[in-house]
C-alpha cells in the first residue's frame, strides 16, 4: 500500500499563494474524507529551495488506517505536489525513503 506519487495542477489564477492553495487542500481533504480524517501536521517547508507547504493527515479507507503526506509548491502558475501514502503502522518505516524522493526534486 505504500506509495509516492507526483501530480501537477494548473492554477486558474497567478495570484494563488501557498496559504490559499493549502486552504483548498484542506477543503478537498475534508470533502473527500468526511469525518474520518485527522490532521497531524501542517507546516512550511522547502522543495528545491522553493517555499513549500506540508500537510500530514490520517484517514481510513477500505478498512485500512492510512497516513498521508502532501507536500506542494507553486511555480509558474502550477502546483507541484508530492504525495506519500502508507498504512499508519508502516508510515515511519518508509518515511525517510519518501522524503529522499521528494528532496531529489528539481523544479525547472
Protein backbone atom coordinates (compact mmCIF):
# COMPACT_ATOMS: atom_id res chain seq x y z
CA UNK A 1 0.00 0.00 0.00
CA UNK A 2 2.97 2.34 0.42
CA UNK A 3 3.43 4.72 -2.50
CA UNK A 4 4.82 8.08 -3.55
CA UNK A 5 3.08 9.88 -6.37
CA UNK A 6 3.60 13.16 -8.15
CA UNK A 7 0.94 15.47 -9.57
CA UNK A 8 0.97 18.80 -11.38
CA UNK A 9 -2.07 21.05 -11.40
CA UNK A 10 -2.58 24.24 -13.35
CA UNK A 11 -3.87 27.16 -11.32
CA UNK A 12 -6.70 29.35 -12.58
CA UNK A 13 -5.04 32.46 -11.16
CA UNK A 14 -1.41 33.55 -10.93
CA UNK A 15 -2.12 35.23 -7.61
CA UNK A 16 -2.77 31.97 -5.75
CA UNK A 17 -0.45 31.70 -2.74
CA UNK A 18 0.74 28.62 -0.84
CA UNK A 19 -1.55 29.57 2.01
CA UNK A 20 -4.58 29.87 -0.30
CA UNK A 21 -3.79 26.58 -2.01
CA UNK A 22 -3.31 24.94 1.39
CA UNK A 23 -6.84 26.02 2.32
CA UNK A 24 -8.08 24.44 -0.91
CA UNK A 25 -6.29 21.20 0.00
CA UNK A 26 -7.93 21.20 3.45
CA UNK A 27 -11.38 21.66 1.89
CA UNK A 28 -10.72 18.82 -0.56
CA UNK A 29 -9.48 16.50 2.19
CA UNK A 30 -12.50 17.22 4.37
CA UNK A 31 -14.97 16.83 1.49
CA UNK A 32 -13.46 13.58 0.27
CA UNK A 33 -12.91 12.01 3.66
CA UNK A 34 -15.86 13.40 5.65
CA UNK A 35 -15.21 12.97 9.39
CA UNK A 36 -12.65 10.19 9.02
CA UNK A 37 -9.61 12.47 8.84
CA UNK A 38 -7.25 13.75 11.47
CA UNK A 39 -4.72 16.47 10.59
CA UNK A 40 -1.37 15.56 12.14
CA UNK A 41 0.86 18.29 10.73
CA UNK A 42 0.58 21.50 8.71
CA UNK A 43 3.80 23.44 8.26
CA UNK A 44 6.07 25.38 5.93
CA UNK A 45 8.99 23.59 4.29
CA UNK A 46 11.07 23.76 1.08
CA UNK A 47 11.41 21.76 -2.12
CA UNK A 48 14.40 22.55 -4.35
CA UNK A 49 14.91 25.73 -2.29
CA UNK A 50 11.37 26.96 -3.10
CA UNK A 51 8.90 27.71 -0.30
CA UNK A 52 6.54 24.75 0.11
CA UNK A 53 3.79 23.52 2.39
CA UNK A 54 3.45 20.10 4.03
CA UNK A 55 0.20 18.60 5.28
CA UNK A 56 0.18 15.22 7.02
CA UNK A 57 -3.09 13.57 7.93
CA UNK A 58 -4.57 10.24 8.92
CA UNK A 59 -7.58 8.69 7.22
CA UNK A 60 -9.44 5.46 6.89
CA UNK A 61 -10.05 3.83 3.51
CA UNK A 62 -11.49 0.38 2.79
CA UNK A 63 -10.94 -0.63 6.41
CA UNK A 64 -7.27 0.45 6.42
CA UNK A 65 -5.84 3.13 8.67
CA UNK A 66 -3.69 5.31 6.38
CA UNK A 67 -1.36 8.23 6.90
CA UNK A 68 -0.76 10.62 4.02
CA UNK A 69 1.74 13.42 3.49
CA UNK A 70 1.19 16.03 0.79
CA UNK A 71 3.98 18.47 0.02
CA UNK A 72 3.40 21.16 -2.58
CA UNK A 73 4.98 24.22 -4.17
CA UNK A 74 3.67 26.80 -6.59
CA UNK A 75 5.80 27.91 -9.52
CA UNK A 76 4.86 29.46 -12.86
CA UNK A 77 1.11 29.18 -12.24
CA UNK A 78 1.38 25.47 -11.49
CA UNK A 79 1.23 23.44 -8.30
CA UNK A 80 3.71 20.58 -7.97
CA UNK A 81 2.50 18.01 -5.43
CA UNK A 82 4.27 15.02 -3.90
CA UNK A 83 2.03 12.58 -2.06
CA UNK A 84 3.29 9.81 0.22
CA UNK A 85 0.66 7.32 1.45
CA UNK A 86 1.19 4.32 3.72
CA UNK A 87 -0.63 2.23 6.26
CA UNK A 88 -0.40 4.14 9.52
CA UNK A 89 1.62 1.37 11.20
CA UNK A 90 4.19 1.38 8.35
CA UNK A 91 4.32 5.14 7.68
CA UNK A 92 7.53 5.79 9.67
CA UNK A 93 9.28 2.77 8.15
CA UNK A 94 9.19 4.27 4.63
CA UNK A 95 9.11 7.98 5.51
CA UNK A 96 12.86 8.51 5.06
CA UNK A 97 12.75 6.98 1.58
CA UNK A 98 9.74 9.11 0.63
CA UNK A 99 11.49 12.25 1.91
CA UNK A 100 14.61 11.42 -0.15
CA UNK A 101 12.46 11.08 -3.27
CA UNK A 102 10.78 14.43 -2.58
CA UNK A 103 14.10 16.12 -1.71
CA UNK A 104 15.54 14.98 -5.05
CA UNK A 105 13.09 17.15 -6.98
CA UNK A 106 14.48 19.84 -9.22
CA UNK A 107 11.79 22.22 -10.43
CA UNK A 108 12.61 23.99 -13.68
